[in-house]
Protein backbone atom coordinates (compact mmCIF):
# COMPACT_ATOMS: atom_id res chain seq x y z
CA MET A 1 2.45 98.16 171.57
CA LEU A 2 3.34 99.21 175.12
CA PRO A 3 0.75 96.98 177.67
CA TYR A 4 -1.87 98.27 178.98
CA LYS A 5 -0.21 99.35 182.56
CA ARG A 6 -2.28 97.68 185.27
CA SER A 7 -2.38 101.26 187.31
CA GLN A 8 -4.75 102.14 184.71
CA ARG A 9 -6.73 98.85 184.75
CA VAL A 10 -7.33 98.81 188.57
CA SER A 11 -8.11 102.71 187.69
CA ASP A 12 -11.06 101.82 184.81
CA LEU A 13 -12.21 99.15 188.26
CA ILE A 14 -11.77 101.86 191.14
CA ARG A 15 -13.68 104.41 189.17
CA GLU A 16 -16.67 102.42 188.57
CA GLU A 17 -16.78 100.74 191.57
CA VAL A 18 -16.42 103.76 193.80
CA ALA A 19 -19.06 105.27 191.26
CA ASP A 20 -21.52 102.57 191.78
CA ILE A 21 -21.03 102.21 196.48
CA ILE A 22 -22.06 105.70 195.94
CA MET A 23 -25.22 106.04 193.48
CA TYR A 24 -26.28 102.80 195.35
CA ARG A 25 -24.86 102.42 197.92
CA LEU A 26 -24.06 106.03 199.88
CA LYS A 27 -27.98 106.39 201.27
CA ASP A 28 -27.80 109.99 201.93
CA PRO A 29 -29.79 112.81 201.07
CA ARG A 30 -28.16 115.78 201.40
CA LEU A 31 -25.29 113.65 198.19
CA GLY A 32 -25.67 116.24 195.68
CA PHE A 33 -26.35 114.76 191.23
CA LEU A 34 -21.57 113.83 191.09
CA THR A 35 -20.62 112.34 188.15
CA VAL A 36 -16.84 110.06 188.91
CA THR A 37 -14.82 111.24 186.33
CA GLY A 38 -11.86 109.67 186.33
CA VAL A 39 -9.81 107.88 188.85
CA ASP A 40 -5.30 108.82 188.87
CA MET A 41 -3.08 105.47 190.99
CA THR A 42 0.18 105.76 191.94
CA PRO A 43 2.27 103.26 190.72
CA ASP A 44 2.03 100.87 193.57
CA LEU A 45 -1.26 101.52 193.90
CA LYS A 46 -1.50 102.33 197.45
CA SER A 47 -3.14 105.81 197.40
CA ALA A 48 -6.14 107.03 194.50
CA LYS A 49 -6.57 110.23 193.59
CA VAL A 50 -10.46 110.30 192.66
CA TYR A 51 -12.02 112.83 190.18
CA VAL A 52 -15.76 114.14 190.55
CA SER A 53 -18.08 116.31 188.81
CA ILE A 54 -20.26 118.14 190.84
CA LEU A 55 -23.37 119.02 188.99
CA LYS A 56 -24.17 122.64 190.98
CA GLU A 57 -21.84 124.62 192.29
CA GLU A 58 -23.63 125.54 194.77
CA GLU A 59 -24.02 122.02 196.76
CA ARG A 60 -19.57 121.55 196.37
CA ASP A 61 -18.74 122.11 199.80
CA LEU A 62 -21.92 119.92 201.31
CA THR A 63 -21.08 117.33 198.53
CA PHE A 64 -16.99 116.89 199.22
CA GLU A 65 -18.00 117.46 203.09
CA ILE A 66 -19.80 113.82 202.89
CA LEU A 67 -17.67 112.56 200.66
CA ASN A 68 -14.67 112.22 202.80
CA ALA A 69 -16.93 110.80 206.19
CA SER A 70 -18.04 108.31 203.76
CA LYS A 71 -14.04 107.97 202.69
CA SER A 72 -13.96 104.49 204.94
CA PHE A 73 -16.91 103.19 204.18
CA ILE A 74 -16.37 103.11 201.03
CA ARG A 75 -13.18 101.57 201.45
CA SER A 76 -14.39 99.21 202.35
CA ALA A 77 -16.66 98.79 199.71
CA LEU A 78 -13.43 98.52 198.05
CA SER A 79 -12.30 96.26 199.70
CA LYS A 80 -15.41 93.26 199.43
CA ARG A 81 -15.77 93.42 196.30
CA LEU A 82 -12.05 94.13 194.78
CA LYS A 83 -9.66 90.83 195.17
CA MET A 84 -6.66 92.45 195.77
CA LYS A 85 -4.53 93.06 198.19
CA PHE A 86 -4.41 96.43 199.46
CA ILE A 87 -7.44 98.77 199.08
CA PRO A 88 -5.48 101.76 197.52
CA ASN A 89 -5.81 104.82 200.77
CA ILE A 90 -8.75 107.06 198.39
CA GLU A 91 -8.53 110.66 197.96
CA PHE A 92 -11.67 113.41 196.84
CA ARG A 93 -11.13 115.41 193.61
CA LEU A 94 -12.34 117.60 191.83
CA ASP A 95 -12.38 117.54 188.63
CA THR A 96 -13.39 121.09 186.34
CA SER A 97 -12.66 119.30 183.01
CA ILE A 98 -16.10 120.00 182.33
CA GLU A 99 -16.54 123.85 183.77
CA TYR A 100 -13.29 124.62 181.56
CA GLY A 101 -15.21 122.60 178.57
CA PHE A 102 -17.95 124.99 179.18
CA LYS A 103 -16.00 127.80 179.21
CA ILE A 104 -14.04 127.13 175.47
CA ASP A 105 -17.51 126.54 174.10
CA LYS A 106 -18.90 130.17 175.67
CA LEU A 107 -15.90 131.68 174.45
CA LEU A 108 -15.90 130.62 170.80
CA ASN A 109 -19.43 130.58 170.40
CA GLU A 110 -19.27 134.73 171.43
CA ILE A 111 -16.63 135.18 168.86
CA LYS A 112 -18.57 132.85 165.56
CA GLU A 113 -21.72 135.72 166.84
CA LYS A 114 -19.56 138.24 166.53
CA ASP A 115 -18.13 137.75 162.73
CA GLU A 116 -21.46 137.48 162.02
CA GLY A 117 -22.91 139.50 163.32
CA SER A 118 -19.56 142.11 161.19
């Protein structure tokens, strides 16, 4: 069995910590309902792509503006929580996998209804 890569362990830890920071430390009332779904780290642990899923489509732009404006605060809070030599640069990305899953589910239901109607 291959060993668990350090970048994967760090990305899991960063996902948990960033979600906690956004939920409890980021005090912006305009921030919409979001979920931190994953983090991709570079092998050298210098950069992290944080994937977020935002519930309401109309709040996406504002939520991303708030998250991008809060990058330095989130990175600073991470540095206090993690015992790492370098805290990675954070880049927020939209996770569309949930929407894609809903789309596939809708298509499958339409096919099922079509078959039952025949």
